[in-house]
N, C-alpha and C. Protein backbone atom coordinates (compact mmCIF):
# COMPACT_ATOMS: atom_id res chain seq x y z
N MET A 1 78.05 -11.44 -15.40
CA MET A 1 78.17 -12.60 -16.26
C MET A 1 77.32 -12.39 -17.51
N ARG A 2 77.92 -12.59 -18.66
CA ARG A 2 77.20 -12.40 -19.92
C ARG A 2 76.36 -13.63 -20.23
N SER A 3 75.17 -13.39 -20.71
CA SER A 3 74.33 -14.52 -21.12
C SER A 3 74.62 -14.84 -22.58
N ARG A 4 74.44 -16.08 -22.90
CA ARG A 4 74.63 -16.51 -24.28
C ARG A 4 73.43 -16.11 -25.11
N PRO A 5 73.66 -15.80 -26.38
CA PRO A 5 72.51 -15.52 -27.24
C PRO A 5 71.69 -16.79 -27.42
N ALA A 6 70.41 -16.63 -27.57
CA ALA A 6 69.51 -17.76 -27.74
C ALA A 6 69.80 -18.48 -29.05
N LYS A 7 69.67 -19.80 -29.02
CA LYS A 7 69.77 -20.58 -30.25
C LYS A 7 68.39 -20.54 -30.91
N LEU A 8 68.39 -20.15 -32.16
CA LEU A 8 67.13 -20.02 -32.89
C LEU A 8 66.88 -21.24 -33.78
N ALA A 9 65.61 -21.51 -34.01
CA ALA A 9 65.22 -22.58 -34.93
C ALA A 9 63.97 -22.17 -35.69
N ILE A 10 63.88 -22.67 -36.90
CA ILE A 10 62.67 -22.53 -37.70
C ILE A 10 62.15 -23.93 -37.97
N LEU A 11 60.92 -24.18 -37.61
CA LEU A 11 60.30 -25.47 -37.87
C LEU A 11 59.76 -25.49 -39.29
N ASP A 12 60.07 -26.55 -40.00
CA ASP A 12 59.52 -26.75 -41.34
C ASP A 12 58.05 -27.15 -41.23
N THR A 13 57.34 -26.95 -42.29
CA THR A 13 55.92 -27.29 -42.36
C THR A 13 55.68 -28.73 -41.94
N SER A 14 56.54 -29.63 -42.33
CA SER A 14 56.37 -31.06 -42.02
C SER A 14 56.31 -31.32 -40.52
N VAL A 15 57.06 -30.56 -39.74
CA VAL A 15 57.06 -30.75 -38.28
C VAL A 15 55.73 -30.28 -37.70
N TYR A 16 55.25 -29.12 -38.14
CA TYR A 16 53.96 -28.63 -37.65
C TYR A 16 52.84 -29.60 -37.98
N ILE A 17 52.81 -30.06 -39.22
CA ILE A 17 51.72 -30.95 -39.64
C ILE A 17 51.77 -32.26 -38.86
N GLU A 18 52.95 -32.86 -38.77
CA GLU A 18 53.07 -34.13 -38.04
C GLU A 18 52.71 -33.96 -36.57
N ASN A 19 53.18 -32.89 -35.96
CA ASN A 19 52.87 -32.67 -34.55
C ASN A 19 51.39 -32.36 -34.34
N PHE A 20 50.80 -31.60 -35.25
CA PHE A 20 49.38 -31.28 -35.15
C PHE A 20 48.54 -32.55 -35.24
N ARG A 21 48.90 -33.42 -36.16
CA ARG A 21 48.12 -34.65 -36.39
C ARG A 21 48.33 -35.70 -35.31
N THR A 22 49.58 -35.84 -34.83
CA THR A 22 49.89 -36.97 -33.94
C THR A 22 50.43 -36.55 -32.57
N GLY A 23 50.91 -35.33 -32.45
CA GLY A 23 51.54 -34.91 -31.20
C GLY A 23 52.91 -35.53 -30.98
N ARG A 24 53.44 -36.16 -32.00
CA ARG A 24 54.68 -36.93 -31.88
C ARG A 24 55.87 -36.10 -31.43
N PHE A 25 55.91 -34.82 -31.76
CA PHE A 25 57.08 -34.00 -31.44
C PHE A 25 56.87 -33.08 -30.25
N ALA A 26 55.78 -33.21 -29.55
CA ALA A 26 55.49 -32.32 -28.42
C ALA A 26 56.63 -32.35 -27.39
N PHE A 27 57.08 -33.52 -27.01
CA PHE A 27 58.16 -33.63 -26.04
C PHE A 27 59.45 -33.03 -26.58
N HIS A 28 59.77 -33.33 -27.84
CA HIS A 28 60.97 -32.77 -28.46
C HIS A 28 60.93 -31.24 -28.42
N LEU A 29 59.78 -30.68 -28.74
CA LEU A 29 59.66 -29.22 -28.77
C LEU A 29 59.83 -28.62 -27.38
N LEU A 30 59.29 -29.29 -26.38
CA LEU A 30 59.43 -28.78 -25.02
C LEU A 30 60.86 -28.89 -24.51
N GLN A 31 61.59 -29.90 -24.95
CA GLN A 31 62.95 -30.13 -24.49
C GLN A 31 64.01 -29.45 -25.36
N ALA A 32 63.63 -28.98 -26.53
CA ALA A 32 64.60 -28.41 -27.47
C ALA A 32 65.20 -27.12 -26.92
N PRO A 33 66.49 -26.92 -27.12
CA PRO A 33 67.16 -25.73 -26.60
C PRO A 33 67.05 -24.53 -27.55
N TYR A 34 65.93 -24.40 -28.22
CA TYR A 34 65.78 -23.37 -29.24
C TYR A 34 64.66 -22.40 -28.92
N VAL A 35 64.84 -21.18 -29.41
CA VAL A 35 63.75 -20.23 -29.48
C VAL A 35 63.21 -20.34 -30.90
N ILE A 36 61.94 -20.64 -31.01
CA ILE A 36 61.35 -20.91 -32.32
C ILE A 36 60.92 -19.61 -32.98
N ARG A 37 61.29 -19.48 -34.24
CA ARG A 37 60.82 -18.41 -35.11
C ARG A 37 60.00 -19.06 -36.22
N CYS A 38 59.01 -18.34 -36.70
CA CYS A 38 58.16 -18.88 -37.77
C CYS A 38 58.58 -18.29 -39.11
N SER A 39 58.68 -19.14 -40.08
CA SER A 39 58.96 -18.69 -41.43
C SER A 39 57.65 -18.28 -42.09
N ALA A 40 57.65 -17.13 -42.75
CA ALA A 40 56.46 -16.71 -43.50
C ALA A 40 56.12 -17.73 -44.57
N VAL A 41 57.13 -18.41 -45.10
CA VAL A 41 56.91 -19.44 -46.10
C VAL A 41 56.15 -20.61 -45.49
N VAL A 42 56.54 -21.03 -44.31
CA VAL A 42 55.86 -22.13 -43.61
C VAL A 42 54.42 -21.73 -43.30
N LEU A 43 54.23 -20.52 -42.83
CA LEU A 43 52.87 -20.07 -42.54
C LEU A 43 52.01 -20.07 -43.81
N HIS A 44 52.59 -19.67 -44.92
CA HIS A 44 51.88 -19.73 -46.21
C HIS A 44 51.46 -21.17 -46.52
N GLU A 45 52.40 -22.10 -46.37
CA GLU A 45 52.08 -23.50 -46.66
C GLU A 45 51.00 -24.04 -45.72
N LEU A 46 51.09 -23.67 -44.44
CA LEU A 46 50.09 -24.13 -43.48
C LEU A 46 48.71 -23.53 -43.79
N LEU A 47 48.67 -22.24 -44.08
CA LEU A 47 47.39 -21.60 -44.40
C LEU A 47 46.77 -22.17 -45.67
N ARG A 48 47.61 -22.45 -46.64
CA ARG A 48 47.13 -22.98 -47.92
C ARG A 48 46.40 -24.30 -47.73
N GLY A 49 46.84 -25.12 -46.76
CA GLY A 49 46.23 -26.43 -46.57
C GLY A 49 45.30 -26.54 -45.38
N ALA A 50 45.15 -25.47 -44.60
CA ALA A 50 44.35 -25.55 -43.37
C ALA A 50 42.86 -25.62 -43.67
N ARG A 51 42.21 -26.55 -43.01
CA ARG A 51 40.75 -26.65 -43.11
C ARG A 51 40.13 -25.69 -42.11
N PRO A 52 38.93 -25.18 -42.43
CA PRO A 52 38.25 -24.30 -41.47
C PRO A 52 38.08 -25.00 -40.12
N GLY A 53 38.10 -24.24 -39.08
CA GLY A 53 37.94 -24.81 -37.75
C GLY A 53 39.27 -24.88 -37.03
N LEU A 54 39.54 -26.01 -36.43
CA LEU A 54 40.71 -26.18 -35.57
C LEU A 54 42.02 -25.93 -36.31
N GLU A 55 42.17 -26.45 -37.52
CA GLU A 55 43.42 -26.26 -38.25
C GLU A 55 43.68 -24.79 -38.55
N LEU A 56 42.67 -24.10 -39.01
CA LEU A 56 42.84 -22.67 -39.32
C LEU A 56 43.10 -21.86 -38.06
N ARG A 57 42.41 -22.18 -36.96
CA ARG A 57 42.66 -21.48 -35.70
C ARG A 57 44.09 -21.72 -35.22
N PHE A 58 44.59 -22.93 -35.40
CA PHE A 58 45.97 -23.25 -35.01
C PHE A 58 46.95 -22.35 -35.76
N VAL A 59 46.78 -22.23 -37.06
CA VAL A 59 47.70 -21.42 -37.86
C VAL A 59 47.57 -19.94 -37.49
N MET A 60 46.35 -19.46 -37.32
CA MET A 60 46.15 -18.05 -36.95
C MET A 60 46.78 -17.76 -35.58
N ASP A 61 46.63 -18.68 -34.65
CA ASP A 61 47.23 -18.51 -33.33
C ASP A 61 48.76 -18.50 -33.44
N LEU A 62 49.30 -19.37 -34.25
CA LEU A 62 50.74 -19.41 -34.47
C LEU A 62 51.23 -18.08 -35.05
N MET A 63 50.51 -17.54 -36.00
CA MET A 63 50.88 -16.26 -36.61
C MET A 63 50.87 -15.13 -35.59
N ASN A 64 49.94 -15.18 -34.66
CA ASN A 64 49.83 -14.11 -33.67
C ASN A 64 50.81 -14.25 -32.52
N ARG A 65 51.37 -15.42 -32.31
CA ARG A 65 52.23 -15.65 -31.14
C ARG A 65 53.72 -15.77 -31.46
N CYS A 66 54.05 -15.97 -32.70
CA CYS A 66 55.44 -16.26 -33.06
C CYS A 66 56.03 -15.10 -33.86
N ARG A 67 57.31 -14.85 -33.65
CA ARG A 67 57.99 -13.86 -34.48
C ARG A 67 58.17 -14.45 -35.88
N ILE A 68 57.73 -13.72 -36.88
CA ILE A 68 57.73 -14.21 -38.25
C ILE A 68 58.96 -13.68 -38.99
N ILE A 69 59.66 -14.61 -39.65
CA ILE A 69 60.83 -14.29 -40.44
C ILE A 69 60.44 -14.42 -41.91
N THR A 70 60.64 -13.35 -42.67
CA THR A 70 60.20 -13.28 -44.06
C THR A 70 61.40 -13.25 -45.01
N PRO A 71 61.35 -14.03 -46.09
CA PRO A 71 62.45 -13.97 -47.06
C PRO A 71 62.56 -12.57 -47.67
N THR A 72 63.78 -12.15 -47.88
CA THR A 72 64.04 -10.85 -48.51
C THR A 72 64.12 -11.02 -50.02
N GLU A 73 64.22 -9.89 -50.70
CA GLU A 73 64.42 -9.91 -52.15
C GLU A 73 65.67 -10.71 -52.50
N THR A 74 66.73 -10.52 -51.74
CA THR A 74 67.98 -11.25 -51.97
C THR A 74 67.78 -12.75 -51.80
N HIS A 75 66.99 -13.15 -50.80
CA HIS A 75 66.71 -14.58 -50.61
C HIS A 75 65.99 -15.16 -51.83
N TRP A 76 65.02 -14.43 -52.36
CA TRP A 76 64.28 -14.92 -53.53
C TRP A 76 65.20 -15.09 -54.73
N ILE A 77 66.07 -14.12 -54.93
CA ILE A 77 67.00 -14.19 -56.07
C ILE A 77 67.99 -15.34 -55.87
N HIS A 78 68.55 -15.43 -54.67
CA HIS A 78 69.50 -16.51 -54.39
C HIS A 78 68.81 -17.87 -54.54
N ALA A 79 67.56 -17.98 -54.12
CA ALA A 79 66.81 -19.23 -54.26
C ALA A 79 66.68 -19.62 -55.74
N GLY A 80 66.36 -18.66 -56.57
CA GLY A 80 66.26 -18.95 -58.00
C GLY A 80 67.57 -19.42 -58.58
N GLU A 81 68.66 -18.77 -58.19
CA GLU A 81 69.99 -19.17 -58.67
C GLU A 81 70.34 -20.58 -58.19
N LEU A 82 70.07 -20.84 -56.93
CA LEU A 82 70.37 -22.15 -56.35
C LEU A 82 69.55 -23.25 -57.01
N LEU A 83 68.27 -22.99 -57.24
CA LEU A 83 67.43 -23.99 -57.90
C LEU A 83 67.89 -24.25 -59.32
N ASN A 84 68.39 -23.23 -59.99
CA ASN A 84 68.93 -23.40 -61.33
C ASN A 84 70.16 -24.32 -61.31
N VAL A 85 71.02 -24.12 -60.32
CA VAL A 85 72.19 -25.00 -60.16
C VAL A 85 71.74 -26.43 -59.87
N MET A 86 70.78 -26.59 -58.98
CA MET A 86 70.27 -27.92 -58.65
C MET A 86 69.64 -28.59 -59.86
N ARG A 87 68.94 -27.80 -60.67
CA ARG A 87 68.32 -28.35 -61.89
C ARG A 87 69.38 -28.92 -62.80
N SER A 88 70.45 -28.18 -63.00
CA SER A 88 71.47 -28.65 -63.93
C SER A 88 72.32 -29.78 -63.35
N ARG A 89 72.63 -29.74 -62.08
CA ARG A 89 73.48 -30.78 -61.48
C ARG A 89 72.72 -32.06 -61.17
N GLN A 90 71.50 -31.94 -60.67
CA GLN A 90 70.71 -33.11 -60.30
C GLN A 90 69.72 -33.52 -61.40
N HIS A 91 69.65 -32.72 -62.44
CA HIS A 91 68.71 -32.97 -63.55
C HIS A 91 67.26 -33.02 -63.06
N TYR A 92 66.95 -32.11 -62.12
CA TYR A 92 65.58 -32.03 -61.63
C TYR A 92 64.66 -31.45 -62.69
N GLU A 93 63.47 -31.96 -62.76
CA GLU A 93 62.43 -31.43 -63.65
C GLU A 93 61.70 -30.30 -62.92
N GLY A 94 60.81 -29.64 -63.66
CA GLY A 94 60.07 -28.49 -63.14
C GLY A 94 59.28 -28.80 -61.88
N ASN A 95 58.61 -29.95 -61.83
CA ASN A 95 57.80 -30.29 -60.65
C ASN A 95 58.66 -30.41 -59.40
N LYS A 96 59.81 -31.04 -59.52
CA LYS A 96 60.69 -31.20 -58.36
C LYS A 96 61.23 -29.84 -57.92
N LEU A 97 61.56 -28.98 -58.87
CA LEU A 97 62.04 -27.64 -58.51
C LEU A 97 60.97 -26.85 -57.79
N ARG A 98 59.72 -26.97 -58.21
CA ARG A 98 58.62 -26.29 -57.51
C ARG A 98 58.47 -26.82 -56.09
N GLU A 99 58.65 -28.13 -55.92
CA GLU A 99 58.58 -28.72 -54.58
C GLU A 99 59.69 -28.18 -53.68
N LEU A 100 60.86 -27.98 -54.25
CA LEU A 100 62.02 -27.54 -53.47
C LEU A 100 62.06 -26.03 -53.22
N ALA A 101 61.35 -25.26 -54.02
CA ALA A 101 61.48 -23.80 -53.98
C ALA A 101 61.22 -23.22 -52.59
N PHE A 102 60.13 -23.62 -51.95
CA PHE A 102 59.84 -23.09 -50.62
C PHE A 102 60.84 -23.59 -49.59
N ASP A 103 61.30 -24.82 -49.74
CA ASP A 103 62.29 -25.34 -48.80
C ASP A 103 63.61 -24.56 -48.90
N VAL A 104 63.99 -24.18 -50.11
CA VAL A 104 65.19 -23.37 -50.29
C VAL A 104 65.01 -22.02 -49.60
N LEU A 105 63.84 -21.41 -49.75
CA LEU A 105 63.58 -20.13 -49.08
C LEU A 105 63.63 -20.27 -47.56
N ILE A 106 63.10 -21.36 -47.04
CA ILE A 106 63.15 -21.61 -45.60
C ILE A 106 64.61 -21.72 -45.15
N ALA A 107 65.40 -22.48 -45.89
CA ALA A 107 66.81 -22.66 -45.54
C ALA A 107 67.57 -21.34 -45.59
N LEU A 108 67.33 -20.54 -46.62
CA LEU A 108 68.02 -19.26 -46.75
C LEU A 108 67.65 -18.29 -45.63
N THR A 109 66.38 -18.22 -45.28
CA THR A 109 65.98 -17.30 -44.21
C THR A 109 66.51 -17.78 -42.86
N ALA A 110 66.50 -19.09 -42.64
CA ALA A 110 67.05 -19.61 -41.39
C ALA A 110 68.53 -19.29 -41.29
N ARG A 111 69.25 -19.50 -42.37
CA ARG A 111 70.68 -19.22 -42.39
C ARG A 111 70.96 -17.75 -42.11
N SER A 112 70.12 -16.87 -42.63
CA SER A 112 70.36 -15.43 -42.48
C SER A 112 70.23 -14.96 -41.03
N ILE A 113 69.51 -15.70 -40.20
CA ILE A 113 69.38 -15.31 -38.79
C ILE A 113 70.15 -16.27 -37.88
N GLY A 114 70.90 -17.20 -38.47
CA GLY A 114 71.68 -18.15 -37.68
C GLY A 114 70.85 -19.23 -37.04
N ALA A 115 69.70 -19.52 -37.63
CA ALA A 115 68.78 -20.51 -37.06
C ALA A 115 69.00 -21.89 -37.67
N THR A 116 68.58 -22.88 -36.93
CA THR A 116 68.58 -24.27 -37.39
C THR A 116 67.22 -24.58 -37.99
N VAL A 117 67.19 -25.24 -39.13
CA VAL A 117 65.94 -25.72 -39.71
C VAL A 117 65.67 -27.09 -39.09
N ILE A 118 64.48 -27.26 -38.54
CA ILE A 118 64.06 -28.55 -38.00
C ILE A 118 62.97 -29.09 -38.92
N THR A 119 63.17 -30.30 -39.44
CA THR A 119 62.27 -30.85 -40.44
C THR A 119 62.09 -32.35 -40.28
N CYS A 120 61.04 -32.87 -40.89
CA CYS A 120 60.86 -34.32 -41.07
C CYS A 120 61.21 -34.69 -42.50
N ASN A 121 61.41 -33.69 -43.33
CA ASN A 121 61.66 -33.86 -44.76
C ASN A 121 63.16 -33.91 -45.02
N GLU A 122 63.79 -34.95 -44.52
CA GLU A 122 65.25 -35.03 -44.58
C GLU A 122 65.77 -35.08 -46.01
N THR A 123 65.12 -35.82 -46.88
CA THR A 123 65.62 -36.00 -48.24
C THR A 123 65.79 -34.68 -48.98
N ASP A 124 64.75 -33.85 -48.99
CA ASP A 124 64.83 -32.59 -49.73
C ASP A 124 65.80 -31.61 -49.10
N PHE A 125 65.79 -31.51 -47.78
CA PHE A 125 66.69 -30.55 -47.14
C PHE A 125 68.15 -31.00 -47.25
N GLN A 126 68.42 -32.29 -47.24
CA GLN A 126 69.79 -32.75 -47.46
C GLN A 126 70.23 -32.46 -48.90
N ALA A 127 69.31 -32.58 -49.85
CA ALA A 127 69.63 -32.24 -51.24
C ALA A 127 70.00 -30.75 -51.35
N ILE A 128 69.26 -29.91 -50.66
CA ILE A 128 69.55 -28.47 -50.66
C ILE A 128 70.90 -28.23 -49.99
N ARG A 129 71.14 -28.95 -48.94
CA ARG A 129 72.37 -28.76 -48.16
C ARG A 129 73.63 -29.11 -48.95
N ARG A 130 73.50 -29.90 -49.99
CA ARG A 130 74.66 -30.19 -50.83
C ARG A 130 75.11 -28.94 -51.59
N HIS A 131 74.24 -27.93 -51.67
CA HIS A 131 74.55 -26.71 -52.42
C HIS A 131 74.55 -25.46 -51.55
N LEU A 132 74.07 -25.59 -50.31
CA LEU A 132 73.93 -24.43 -49.43
C LEU A 132 74.22 -24.87 -48.00
N SER A 133 75.11 -24.16 -47.36
CA SER A 133 75.45 -24.46 -45.98
C SER A 133 74.42 -23.82 -45.04
N PHE A 134 73.78 -24.64 -44.21
CA PHE A 134 72.87 -24.15 -43.18
C PHE A 134 72.72 -25.22 -42.12
N ASN A 135 72.30 -24.82 -40.93
CA ASN A 135 72.12 -25.76 -39.83
C ASN A 135 70.82 -26.52 -40.02
N LEU A 136 70.89 -27.84 -39.86
CA LEU A 136 69.74 -28.71 -40.12
C LEU A 136 69.64 -29.76 -39.04
N LEU A 137 68.42 -30.00 -38.58
CA LEU A 137 68.12 -31.06 -37.64
C LEU A 137 66.92 -31.81 -38.18
N CYS A 138 67.07 -33.11 -38.38
CA CYS A 138 65.99 -33.91 -38.95
C CYS A 138 65.38 -34.78 -37.85
N TRP A 139 64.07 -34.64 -37.66
CA TRP A 139 63.33 -35.46 -36.71
C TRP A 139 62.59 -36.53 -37.46
N LYS A 140 62.60 -37.71 -36.90
CA LYS A 140 61.90 -38.84 -37.53
C LYS A 140 60.74 -39.29 -36.70
């Protein structure tokens, strides 16, 4: 009997932060039918904001235990093209494009491995999804 390939997911930074602070998604994570992969972009965002001590140890432990998925050169170029389209169609200003840039990279890398993006940031990822097809699950 052939086994099914594992369903992959990439957690957005918002899920890690919310779960770290409140534990709100612990049950969801334990019950989710996904094998979690870490985005290098998410790890960057987590490291950038981690305070010394418990927060930094959490991120370092995550880096050491999770398979890390890194955007390729093609992902970076496609992200720039996509953000340019979003700028012209949605009339986004520079600040909004900077906010979306890492989310676009997360979506592109998840799509490239067939993974679902799991996020609390529904608004931005739905905006990206209007221009890019990828699997998305929004937790509230």
